[in-house]
C-alpha atoms as a PDB file:
ATOM      1  CA  MET A   1      77.798 104.180  12.936  1.00  0.00           C
ATOM      2  CA  ALA A   2      79.473 105.522   9.827  1.00  0.00           C
ATOM      3  CA  LEU A   3      82.805 104.092   8.756  1.00  0.00           C
ATOM      4  CA  LEU A   4      84.953 106.653   6.990  1.00  0.00           C
ATOM      5  CA  ASN A   5      87.158 104.259   5.037  1.00  0.00           C
ATOM      6  CA  PRO A   6      84.699 103.642   2.163  1.00  0.00           C
ATOM      7  CA  PHE A   7      84.605 107.305   1.204  1.00  0.00           C
ATOM      8  CA  SER A   8      86.659 110.462   1.530  1.00  0.00           C
ATOM      9  CA  PHE A   9      85.691 112.545   4.534  1.00  0.00           C
ATOM     10  CA  LEU A  10      86.174 116.148   5.606  1.00  0.00           C
ATOM     11  CA  LEU A  11      88.852 117.219   8.039  1.00  0.00           C
ATOM     12  CA  PHE A  12      89.295 120.880   8.725  1.00  0.00           C
ATOM     13  CA  LEU A  13      92.265 123.252   8.845  1.00  0.00           C
ATOM     14  CA  LEU A  14      92.380 124.400  12.454  1.00  0.00           C
ATOM     15  CA  LEU A  15      94.855 127.156  13.228  1.00  0.00           C
ATOM     16  CA  SER A  16      95.732 128.624  16.590  1.00  0.00           C
ATOM     17  CA  THR A  17      98.410 131.292  16.776  1.00  0.00           C
ATOM     18  CA  CYS A  18      97.086 133.680  19.408  1.00  0.00           C
ATOM     19  CA  TYR A  19      98.890 133.771  22.760  1.00  0.00           C
ATOM     20  CA  VAL A  20      97.317 135.465  25.767  1.00  0.00           C
ATOM     21  CA  PRO A  21      98.872 135.825  29.237  1.00  0.00           C
ATOM     22  CA  ASN A  22      97.748 133.000  31.541  1.00  0.00           C
ATOM     23  CA  LEU A  23      95.548 131.554  28.811  1.00  0.00           C
ATOM     24  CA  SER A  24      96.196 128.279  27.067  1.00  0.00           C
ATOM     25  CA  LYS A  25      95.839 128.158  23.316  1.00  0.00           C
ATOM     26  CA  ALA A  26      92.280 127.412  22.198  1.00  0.00           C
ATOM     27  CA  THR A  27      92.015 123.659  22.307  1.00  0.00           C
ATOM     28  CA  SER A  28      89.124 123.187  19.947  1.00  0.00           C
ATOM     29  CA  ARG A  29      87.505 125.097  17.175  1.00  0.00           C
ATOM     30  CA  ALA A  30      84.170 124.389  15.576  1.00  0.00           C
ATOM     31  CA  PRO A  31      85.796 124.774  12.183  1.00  0.00           C
ATOM     32  CA  ASN A  32      84.736 126.740   9.183  1.00  0.00           C
ATOM     33  CA  ARG A  33      83.021 123.832   7.451  1.00  0.00           C
ATOM     34  CA  MET A  34      84.061 125.066   4.012  1.00  0.00           C
ATOM     35  CA  LEU A  35      87.794 124.897   4.835  1.00  0.00           C
ATOM     36  CA  ALA A  36      88.457 121.274   4.098  1.00  0.00           C
ATOM     37  CA  LEU A  37      91.013 118.842   2.856  1.00  0.00           C
ATOM     38  CA  VAL A  38      90.547 115.247   1.828  1.00  0.00           C
ATOM     39  CA  GLN A  39      92.051 112.821   4.306  1.00  0.00           C
ATOM     40  CA  ASN A  40      92.227 109.059   3.828  1.00  0.00           C
ATOM     41  CA  GLN A  41      94.375 108.085   6.797  1.00  0.00           C
ATOM     42  CA  PRO A  42      92.942 105.961   9.634  1.00  0.00           C
ATOM     43  CA  LEU A  43      91.159 108.159  12.140  1.00  0.00           C
ATOM     44  CA  VAL A  44      92.465 107.581  15.667  1.00  0.00           C
ATOM     45  CA  LEU A  45      92.196 110.076  18.501  1.00  0.00           C
ATOM     46  CA  ARG A  46      94.976 109.211  20.910  1.00  0.00           C
ATOM     47  CA  TYR A  47      94.540 109.693  24.652  1.00  0.00           C
ATOM     48  CA  HIS A  48      97.311 111.909  26.030  1.00  0.00           C
ATOM     49  CA  LYS A  49      96.794 110.922  29.696  1.00  0.00           C
ATOM     50  CA  GLY A  50      95.283 114.212  30.820  1.00  0.00           C
ATOM     51  CA  THR A  51      92.175 115.144  32.788  1.00  0.00           C
ATOM     52  CA  LEU A  52      88.747 114.869  31.172  1.00  0.00           C
ATOM     53  CA  LEU A  53      85.571 116.578  32.381  1.00  0.00           C
ATOM     54  CA  LYS A  54      83.394 113.874  33.871  1.00  0.00           C
ATOM     55  CA  GLY A  55      80.581 113.727  36.388  1.00  0.00           C
ATOM     56  CA  ASN A  56      78.153 116.624  36.799  1.00  0.00           C
ATOM     57  CA  ILE A  57      79.199 119.742  34.884  1.00  0.00           C
ATOM     58  CA  THR A  58      77.322 123.045  35.166  1.00  0.00           C
ATOM     59  CA  LEU A  59      77.191 125.324  32.145  1.00  0.00           C
ATOM     60  CA  HIS A  60      76.799 129.031  32.944  1.00  0.00           C
ATOM     61  CA  LEU A  61      75.486 130.799  29.841  1.00  0.00           C
ATOM     62  CA  LEU A  62      76.329 134.380  28.901  1.00  0.00           C
ATOM     63  CA  TRP A  63      74.145 135.792  26.133  1.00  0.00           C
ATOM     64  CA  TYR A  64      76.267 138.562  24.657  1.00  0.00           C
ATOM     65  CA  GLY A  65      74.242 140.838  22.421  1.00  0.00           C
ATOM     66  CA  THR A  66      70.648 140.748  21.270  1.00  0.00           C
ATOM     67  CA  PHE A  67      68.682 137.494  21.168  1.00  0.00           C
ATOM     68  CA  THR A  68      64.997 136.721  20.987  1.00  0.00           C
ATOM     69  CA  SER A  69      63.452 134.478  23.612  1.00  0.00           C
ATOM     70  CA  THR A  70      62.876 131.880  20.877  1.00  0.00           C
ATOM     71  CA  GLN A  71      66.554 131.868  19.928  1.00  0.00           C
ATOM     72  CA  ARG A  72      67.597 131.386  23.545  1.00  0.00           C
ATOM     73  CA  SER A  73      65.069 128.610  24.046  1.00  0.00           C
ATOM     74  CA  ILE A  74      66.442 126.641  21.058  1.00  0.00           C
ATOM     75  CA  LEU A  75      69.962 126.549  22.505  1.00  0.00           C
ATOM     76  CA  ILE A  76      68.771 125.941  26.069  1.00  0.00           C
ATOM     77  CA  ASP A  77      66.591 123.049  24.921  1.00  0.00           C
ATOM     78  CA  PHE A  78      69.593 121.582  23.119  1.00  0.00           C
ATOM     79  CA  VAL A  79      71.812 121.721  26.214  1.00  0.00           C
ATOM     80  CA  GLN A  80      69.053 120.291  28.411  1.00  0.00           C
ATOM     81  CA  SER A  81      68.517 117.507  25.887  1.00  0.00           C
ATOM     82  CA  LEU A  82      72.135 116.329  26.097  1.00  0.00           C
ATOM     83  CA  SER A  83      71.744 114.725  29.511  1.00  0.00           C
ATOM     84  CA  SER A  84      67.980 114.260  29.595  1.00  0.00           C
ATOM     85  CA  THR A  85      66.860 110.940  31.058  1.00  0.00           C
ATOM     86  CA  SER A  86      63.317 111.134  29.740  1.00  0.00           C
ATOM     87  CA  SER A  87      62.182 107.877  28.184  1.00  0.00           C
ATOM     88  CA  SER A  88      59.579 109.700  26.089  1.00  0.00           C
ATOM     89  CA  HIS A  89      62.089 110.996  23.536  1.00  0.00           C
ATOM     90  CA  THR A  90      61.502 109.658  20.053  1.00  0.00           C
ATOM     91  CA  PRO A  91      64.710 107.978  18.835  1.00  0.00           C
ATOM     92  CA  PRO A  92      67.208 108.974  17.701  1.00  0.00           C
ATOM     93  CA  SER A  93      67.675 111.266  20.675  1.00  0.00           C
ATOM     94  CA  VAL A  94      70.112 114.057  21.533  1.00  0.00           C
ATOM     95  CA  SER A  95      70.999 112.221  24.747  1.00  0.00           C
ATOM     96  CA  SER A  96      71.971 109.068  22.818  1.00  0.00           C
ATOM     97  CA  TRP A  97      74.330 111.231  20.728  1.00  0.00           C
ATOM     98  CA  TRP A  98      75.937 112.609  23.906  1.00  0.00           C
ATOM     99  CA  ARG A  99      76.288 109.161  25.458  1.00  0.00           C
ATOM    100  CA  THR A 100      79.111 108.446  23.021  1.00  0.00           C
ATOM    101  CA  THR A 101      81.279 110.640  25.297  1.00  0.00           C
ATOM    102  CA  GLU A 102      80.866 107.948  27.982  1.00  0.00           C
ATOM    103  CA  SER A 103      83.097 105.684  25.883  1.00  0.00           C
ATOM    104  CA  TYR A 104      85.999 108.047  26.493  1.00  0.00           C
ATOM    105  CA  ARG A 105      87.915 107.350  29.713  1.00  0.00           C
ATOM    106  CA  GLY A 106      86.237 108.219  32.997  1.00  0.00           C
ATOM    107  CA  GLY A 107      82.596 107.410  32.366  1.00  0.00           C
ATOM    108  CA  PRO A 108      79.621 109.722  31.832  1.00  0.00           C
ATOM    109  CA  CYS A 109      79.470 113.506  31.825  1.00  0.00           C
ATOM    110  CA  THR A 110      76.156 115.085  32.768  1.00  0.00           C
ATOM    111  CA  LEU A 111      75.615 118.683  31.636  1.00  0.00           C
ATOM    112  CA  VAL A 112      73.136 120.985  33.359  1.00  0.00           C
ATOM    113  CA  VAL A 113      72.234 124.609  32.661  1.00  0.00           C
ATOM    114  CA  GLY A 114      73.363 126.884  35.491  1.00  0.00           C
ATOM    115  CA  ASN A 115      73.137 130.669  35.643  1.00  0.00           C
ATOM    116  CA  GLN A 116      72.124 132.694  32.608  1.00  0.00           C
ATOM    117  CA  THR A 117      73.351 136.255  32.139  1.00  0.00           C
ATOM    118  CA  LEU A 118      72.077 138.701  29.519  1.00  0.00           C
ATOM    119  CA  ASP A 119      74.548 141.298  28.245  1.00  0.00           C
ATOM    120  CA  ALA A 120      72.338 143.130  25.770  1.00  0.00           C
ATOM    121  CA  ASN A 121      74.380 146.328  26.168  1.00  0.00           C
ATOM    122  CA  TYR A 122      77.538 144.828  24.659  1.00  0.00           C
ATOM    123  CA  SER A 123      79.668 145.637  27.719  1.00  0.00           C
ATOM    124  CA  LEU A 124      82.943 145.059  25.815  1.00  0.00           C
ATOM    125  CA  GLY A 125      81.757 146.381  22.469  1.00  0.00           C
ATOM    126  CA  LYS A 126      80.832 144.589  19.274  1.00  0.00           C
ATOM    127  CA  SER A 127      84.336 143.476  18.290  1.00  0.00           C
ATOM    128  CA  LEU A 128      85.809 140.840  20.607  1.00  0.00           C
ATOM    129  CA  ASN A 129      89.142 139.046  20.762  1.00  0.00           C
ATOM    130  CA  THR A 130      90.352 136.115  22.843  1.00  0.00           C
ATOM    131  CA  ASP A 131      91.183 138.408  25.776  1.00  0.00           C
ATOM    132  CA  HIS A 132      87.596 139.621  25.803  1.00  0.00           C
ATOM    133  CA  LEU A 133      86.224 136.070  25.781  1.00  0.00           C
ATOM    134  CA  LEU A 134      88.446 135.191  28.710  1.00  0.00           C
ATOM    135  CA  ALA A 135      87.372 138.306  30.590  1.00  0.00           C
ATOM    136  CA  LEU A 136      83.706 137.432  30.079  1.00  0.00           C
ATOM    137  CA  ALA A 137      84.290 133.830  31.151  1.00  0.00           C
ATOM    138  CA  SER A 138      86.176 134.913  34.270  1.00  0.00           C
ATOM    139  CA  LYS A 139      83.443 137.165  35.651  1.00  0.00           C
ATOM    140  CA  GLY A 140      81.556 134.483  37.520  1.00  0.00           C
ATOM    141  CA  ASN A 141      82.521 132.012  40.180  1.00  0.00           C
ATOM    142  CA  SER A 142      84.230 128.902  38.879  1.00  0.00           C
ATOM    143  CA  ASP A 143      85.409 125.494  39.983  1.00  0.00           C
ATOM    144  CA  ALA A 144      86.431 122.237  38.411  1.00  0.00           C
ATOM    145  CA  HIS A 145      82.825 121.389  37.549  1.00  0.00           C
ATOM    146  CA  VAL A 146      81.796 124.687  35.961  1.00  0.00           C
ATOM    147  CA  VAL A 147      82.119 125.766  32.332  1.00  0.00           C
ATOM    148  CA  HIS A 148      81.318 129.261  31.083  1.00  0.00           C
ATOM    149  CA  VAL A 149      79.616 129.317  27.678  1.00  0.00           C
ATOM    150  CA  ILE A 150      79.595 132.623  25.782  1.00  0.00           C
ATOM    151  CA  VAL A 151      77.072 133.014  22.976  1.00  0.00           C
ATOM    152  CA  THR A 152      77.446 136.074  20.740  1.00  0.00           C
ATOM    153  CA  SER A 153      74.679 137.524  18.598  1.00  0.00           C
ATOM    154  CA  ALA A 154      74.790 138.050  14.828  1.00  0.00           C
ATOM    155  CA  ASP A 155      76.052 141.644  15.092  1.00  0.00           C
ATOM    156  CA  VAL A 156      79.142 140.774  17.165  1.00  0.00           C
ATOM    157  CA  ALA A 157      82.479 140.169  15.437  1.00  0.00           C
ATOM    158  CA  VAL A 158      84.880 137.799  17.183  1.00  0.00           C
ATOM    159  CA  GLU A 159      88.563 137.290  16.384  1.00  0.00           C
ATOM    160  CA  ASP A 160      89.020 134.587  13.706  1.00  0.00           C
ATOM    161  CA  PHE A 161      85.246 134.116  13.396  1.00  0.00           C
ATOM    162  CA  CYS A 162      84.427 132.882   9.866  1.00  0.00           C
ATOM    163  CA  MET A 163      88.118 132.814   8.935  1.00  0.00           C
ATOM    164  CA  ASN A 164      89.390 129.813  10.892  1.00  0.00           C
ATOM    165  CA  GLN A 165      86.611 128.990  13.324  1.00  0.00           C
ATOM    166  CA  CYS A 166      82.894 129.011  14.056  1.00  0.00           C
ATOM    167  CA  GLY A 167      83.359 128.437  17.795  1.00  0.00           C
ATOM    168  CA  THR A 168      86.042 127.421  20.243  1.00  0.00           C
ATOM    169  CA  HIS A 169      86.819 126.246  23.753  1.00  0.00           C
ATOM    170  CA  GLY A 170      89.785 127.002  25.964  1.00  0.00           C
ATOM    171  CA  TRP A 171      90.955 127.427  29.514  1.00  0.00           C
ATOM    172  CA  ALA A 172      92.921 129.719  31.769  1.00  0.00           C
ATOM    173  CA  LYS A 173      94.351 129.781  35.270  1.00  0.00           C
ATOM    174  CA  ARG A 174      93.277 132.196  37.966  1.00  0.00           C
ATOM    175  CA  LYS A 175      95.905 133.678  40.282  1.00  0.00           C
ATOM    176  CA  ASN A 176      95.070 131.003  42.858  1.00  0.00           C
ATOM    177  CA  GLY A 177      95.886 128.307  40.292  1.00  0.00           C
ATOM    178  CA  GLU A 178      92.248 127.393  39.708  1.00  0.00           C
ATOM    179  CA  ARG A 179      91.491 126.483  36.098  1.00  0.00           C
ATOM    180  CA  VAL A 180      88.646 128.209  34.262  1.00  0.00           C
ATOM    181  CA  ALA A 181      87.115 126.410  31.288  1.00  0.00           C
ATOM    182  CA  TYR A 182      85.053 128.243  28.705  1.00  0.00           C
ATOM    183  CA  ALA A 183      83.418 127.813  25.325  1.00  0.00           C
ATOM    184  CA  TRP A 184      82.210 130.268  22.701  1.00  0.00           C
ATOM    185  CA  VAL A 185      79.918 130.118  19.677  1.00  0.00           C
ATOM    186  CA  GLY A 186      78.511 132.924  17.552  1.00  0.00           C
ATOM    187  CA  ASP A 187      75.534 133.476  15.271  1.00  0.00           C
ATOM    188  CA  ALA A 188      76.913 133.538  11.716  1.00  0.00           C
ATOM    189  CA  ILE A 189      73.727 134.438   9.875  1.00  0.00           C
ATOM    190  CA  THR A 190      74.872 137.915   8.753  1.00  0.00           C
ATOM    191  CA  GLN A 191      78.644 137.334   8.647  1.00  0.00           C
ATOM    192  CA  CYS A 192      79.309 133.915   7.121  1.00  0.00           C
ATOM    193  CA  PRO A 193      76.283 131.592   6.954  1.00  0.00           C
ATOM    194  CA  GLY A 194      77.806 129.695   4.027  1.00  0.00           C
ATOM    195  CA  GLN A 195      80.786 128.815   6.187  1.00  0.00           C
ATOM    196  CA  CYS A 196      79.460 128.457   9.747  1.00  0.00           C
ATOM    197  CA  ALA A 197      75.791 127.632   9.177  1.00  0.00           C
ATOM    198  CA  TRP A 198      76.248 124.968   6.472  1.00  0.00           C
ATOM    199  CA  PRO A 199      74.426 122.702   5.619  1.00  0.00           C
ATOM    200  CA  PHE A 200      71.505 125.092   6.247  1.00  0.00           C
ATOM    201  CA  HIS A 201      72.941 127.683   3.855  1.00  0.00           C
ATOM    202  CA  GLN A 202      74.469 127.478   0.405  1.00  0.00           C
ATOM    203  CA  PRO A 203      78.255 127.118   0.758  1.00  0.00           C
ATOM    204  CA  VAL A 204      80.527 129.948  -0.352  1.00  0.00           C
ATOM    205  CA  TYR A 205      82.566 127.549  -2.461  1.00  0.00           C
ATOM    206  CA  GLY A 206      82.939 123.843  -3.049  1.00  0.00           C
ATOM    207  CA  PRO A 207      80.121 121.495  -4.131  1.00  0.00           C
ATOM    208  CA  GLN A 208      76.936 123.541  -4.503  1.00  0.00           C
ATOM    209  CA  THR A 209      74.394 121.081  -3.141  1.00  0.00           C
ATOM    210  CA  PRO A 210      71.046 122.575  -2.093  1.00  0.00           C
ATOM    211  CA  PRO A 211      70.976 123.668   1.562  1.00  0.00           C
ATOM    212  CA  LEU A 212      68.913 121.717   4.073  1.00  0.00           C
ATOM    213  CA  VAL A 213      65.903 123.271   5.783  1.00  0.00           C
ATOM    214  CA  ALA A 214      66.775 124.259   9.360  1.00  0.00           C
ATOM    215  CA  PRO A 215      64.743 122.223  11.889  1.00  0.00           C
ATOM    216  CA  ASN A 216      63.970 125.252  14.089  1.00  0.00           C
ATOM    217  CA  ALA A 217      63.462 127.693  11.207  1.00  0.00           C
ATOM    218  CA  ASP A 218      66.501 129.757  12.203  1.00  0.00           C
ATOM    219  CA  VAL A 219      69.555 129.145  10.011  1.00  0.00           C
ATOM    220  CA  GLY A 220      71.912 131.050  12.310  1.00  0.00           C
ATOM    221  CA  VAL A 221      70.807 129.405  15.564  1.00  0.00           C
ATOM    222  CA  ASP A 222      70.479 125.913  14.093  1.00  0.00           C
ATOM    223  CA  GLY A 223      74.026 126.412  12.821  1.00  0.00           C
ATOM    224  CA  MET A 224      75.076 127.429  16.334  1.00  0.00           C
ATOM    225  CA  VAL A 225      73.653 124.165  17.665  1.00  0.00           C
ATOM    226  CA  ILE A 226      76.062 122.252  15.408  1.00  0.00           C
ATOM    227  CA  ASN A 227      78.986 124.418  16.524  1.00  0.00           C
ATOM    228  CA  LEU A 228      78.031 124.225  20.205  1.00  0.00           C
ATOM    229  CA  ALA A 229      77.783 120.440  19.933  1.00  0.00           C
ATOM    230  CA  THR A 230      81.274 120.422  18.416  1.00  0.00           C
ATOM    231  CA  VAL A 231      82.955 122.521  21.093  1.00  0.00           C
ATOM    232  CA  LEU A 232      81.142 120.882  24.026  1.00  0.00           C
ATOM    233  CA  ALA A 233      82.185 117.396  22.892  1.00  0.00           C
ATOM    234  CA  GLY A 234      85.756 118.640  22.475  1.00  0.00           C
ATOM    235  CA  LEU A 235      85.612 120.426  25.811  1.00  0.00           C
ATOM    236  CA  VAL A 236      84.734 117.368  27.899  1.00  0.00           C
ATOM    237  CA  THR A 237      87.084 114.983  26.056  1.00  0.00           C
ATOM    238  CA  ASN A 238      90.048 117.350  25.674  1.00  0.00           C
ATOM    239  CA  PRO A 239      89.555 120.215  28.137  1.00  0.00           C
ATOM    240  CA  PHE A 240      93.198 121.053  28.882  1.00  0.00           C
ATOM    241  CA  GLU A 241      95.031 120.050  25.688  1.00  0.00           C
ATOM    242  CA  ASP A 242      96.041 116.628  27.021  1.00  0.00           C
ATOM    243  CA  GLY A 243      92.927 114.530  26.476  1.00  0.00           C
ATOM    244  CA  TYR A 244      91.757 112.845  23.272  1.00  0.00           C
ATOM    245  CA  TYR A 245      92.828 114.366  19.972  1.00  0.00           C
ATOM    246  CA  GLN A 246      94.722 113.785  16.746  1.00  0.00           C
ATOM    247  CA  GLY A 247      97.458 116.064  15.442  1.00  0.00           C
ATOM    248  CA  PRO A 248      99.247 118.872  17.300  1.00  0.00           C
ATOM    249  CA  SER A 249      97.778 120.077  20.599  1.00  0.00           C
ATOM    250  CA  SER A 250      97.714 123.635  19.248  1.00  0.00           C
ATOM    251  CA  ALA A 251      95.407 122.621  16.375  1.00  0.00           C
ATOM    252  CA  PRO A 252      93.773 119.363  17.424  1.00  0.00           C
ATOM    253  CA  LEU A 253      91.157 117.249  15.720  1.00  0.00           C
ATOM    254  CA  GLU A 254      88.794 116.293  18.516  1.00  0.00           C
ATOM    255  CA  ALA A 255      85.682 114.209  19.148  1.00  0.00           C
ATOM    256  CA  VAL A 256      83.491 116.009  16.601  1.00  0.00           C
ATOM    257  CA  SER A 257      85.857 118.235  14.639  1.00  0.00           C
ATOM    258  CA  ALA A 258      87.601 115.042  13.465  1.00  0.00           C
ATOM    259  CA  CYS A 259      84.310 114.049  11.818  1.00  0.00           C
ATOM    260  CA  ALA A 260      83.533 117.428  10.261  1.00  0.00           C
ATOM    261  CA  GLY A 261      80.860 117.568   7.572  1.00  0.00           C
ATOM    262  CA  ILE A 262      79.278 114.204   8.438  1.00  0.00           C
ATOM    263  CA  PHE A 263      75.657 114.155   9.668  1.00  0.00           C
ATOM    264  CA  GLY A 264      74.355 110.887   8.285  1.00  0.00           C
ATOM    265  CA  LYS A 265      75.391 107.736   6.492  1.00  0.00           C
ATOM    266  CA  GLY A 266      76.653 108.200   2.957  1.00  0.00           C
ATOM    267  CA  ALA A 267      78.217 111.612   3.618  1.00  0.00           C
ATOM    268  CA  TYR A 268      80.938 112.905   1.325  1.00  0.00           C
ATOM    269  CA  PRO A 269      82.537 116.347   0.801  1.00  0.00           C
ATOM    270  CA  GLY A 270      79.727 118.826   0.240  1.00  0.00           C
ATOM    271  CA  TYR A 271      76.968 116.329   1.067  1.00  0.00           C
ATOM    272  CA  PRO A 272      76.000 115.932   4.758  1.00  0.00           C
ATOM    273  CA  GLY A 273      74.651 112.413   4.383  1.00  0.00           C
ATOM    274  CA  ASN A 274      71.222 110.818   4.644  1.00  0.00           C
ATOM    275  CA  VAL A 275      69.219 112.450   7.431  1.00  0.00           C
ATOM    276  CA  LEU A 276      65.586 112.498   8.511  1.00  0.00           C
ATOM    277  CA  VAL A 277      63.119 114.952   6.965  1.00  0.00           C
ATOM    278  CA  GLU A 278      59.970 116.254   8.611  1.00  0.00           C
ATOM    279  CA  LYS A 279      57.108 115.782   6.167  1.00  0.00           C
ATOM    280  CA  ALA A 280      55.141 118.890   7.154  1.00  0.00           C
ATOM    281  CA  THR A 281      57.984 121.412   6.922  1.00  0.00           C
ATOM    282  CA  GLY A 282      60.710 119.685   4.923  1.00  0.00           C
ATOM    283  CA  ALA A 283      63.128 120.375   7.778  1.00  0.00           C
ATOM    284  CA  SER A 284      66.171 118.105   8.123  1.00  0.00           C
ATOM    285  CA  TYR A 285      67.179 116.610  11.467  1.00  0.00           C
ATOM    286  CA  ASN A 286      68.727 113.534  13.015  1.00  0.00           C
ATOM    287  CA  ALA A 287      67.993 113.943  16.727  1.00  0.00           C
ATOM    288  CA  VAL A 288      65.012 114.694  18.959  1.00  0.00           C
ATOM    289  CA  GLY A 289      65.350 116.469  22.297  1.00  0.00           C
ATOM    290  CA  VAL A 290      63.243 117.803  25.144  1.00  0.00           C
ATOM    291  CA  ARG A 291      59.772 119.061  24.282  1.00  0.00           C
ATOM    292  CA  GLY A 292      60.060 117.232  20.975  1.00  0.00           C
ATOM    293  CA  ARG A 293      62.461 119.782  19.557  1.00  0.00           C
ATOM    294  CA  LYS A 294      64.475 118.565  16.588  1.00  0.00           C
ATOM    295  CA  PHE A 295      68.160 119.165  15.866  1.00  0.00           C
ATOM    296  CA  LEU A 296      70.786 118.243  13.296  1.00  0.00           C
ATOM    297  CA  LEU A 297      73.895 116.947  15.077  1.00  0.00           C
ATOM    298  CA  PRO A 298      77.311 116.088  13.605  1.00  0.00           C
ATOM    299  CA  ALA A 299      78.960 112.693  13.776  1.00  0.00           C
ATOM    300  CA  MET A 300      81.165 111.978  16.801  1.00  0.00           C
ATOM    301  CA  TRP A 301      84.269 109.816  16.903  1.00  0.00           C
ATOM    302  CA  ASP A 302      83.537 106.610  18.830  1.00  0.00           C
ATOM    303  CA  PRO A 303      86.552 105.189  20.693  1.00  0.00           C
ATOM    304  CA  LEU A 304      84.964 101.733  20.747  1.00  0.00           C
ATOM    305  CA  SER A 305      84.952 101.449  16.945  1.00  0.00           C
ATOM    306  CA  SER A 306      87.540 104.120  16.048  1.00  0.00           C
ATOM    307  CA  SER A 307      85.079 105.563  13.575  1.00  0.00           C
ATOM    308  CA  CYS A 308      82.753 108.525  13.176  1.00  0.00           C
ATOM    309  CA  LYS A 309      79.385 107.533  14.622  1.00  0.00           C
ATOM    310  CA  THR A 310      76.169 109.002  13.246  1.00  0.00           C
ATOM    311  CA  LEU A 311      72.666 108.806  14.685  1.00  0.00           C
ATOM    312  CA  VAL A 312      71.045 107.897  11.382  1.00  0.00           C
END
């Protein structure tokens, strides 16, 4: 695990000012990784005595826009890797990264892929706001153990995308009082790869270290894996704004967003840390998942050590 005290680490400016009827404020944002401030205070995510998502959770995926089958398979393999029990995975594994969430109150959370819906016709257009995300998330059936994940393609603009966030999660109440949880991430490759696909793309500003080679040869989708990891970890540990977080509930630092910019030991602002490199391709990774697929995953705050834990 990586202790943050020996070096300055990245914490991100998370802003949430949008109010929607019957919708709580977004509780987590996979932050623009180039919006950073240096923070040297002790990192403690306090538990606010609310409900966490534990047990078996089904993720219904909505593919909004145009995706190739390869792009979809990368993200699906990542989600399936989170709770995989296969003993054949070469360490470090994606599932060992996810097991850190078990250290938060309530025990393990097992994620499974549920229904997948393709919306290649852009049913709500190519410019979405928070209302649109909620509408898309509310289309299907929902219960306490279902989360709707919306994935938008590179040609879809989403409110605050690239400015303050690279992804988010939130919740709303149906008329019957039932709570609907959702998450969203978007492909930043044509809009802001230097902000939402770093460290696989040269940053827009800040330290100009060379970008890493994306492990699945798709800068936009490999960047989405990082952002999806961020919002899913925040979703299960702070689903309704009263779980684990630091700072105000309207702009919380959560399980992964509190450790922003850290992927391996020795990380510092602008440098992701020491990670593994595949000899044949030069691709950088720190986790192996199902079918041997490789990913680069961010550090996660570990409640047992009160520090940002890395896989390598």
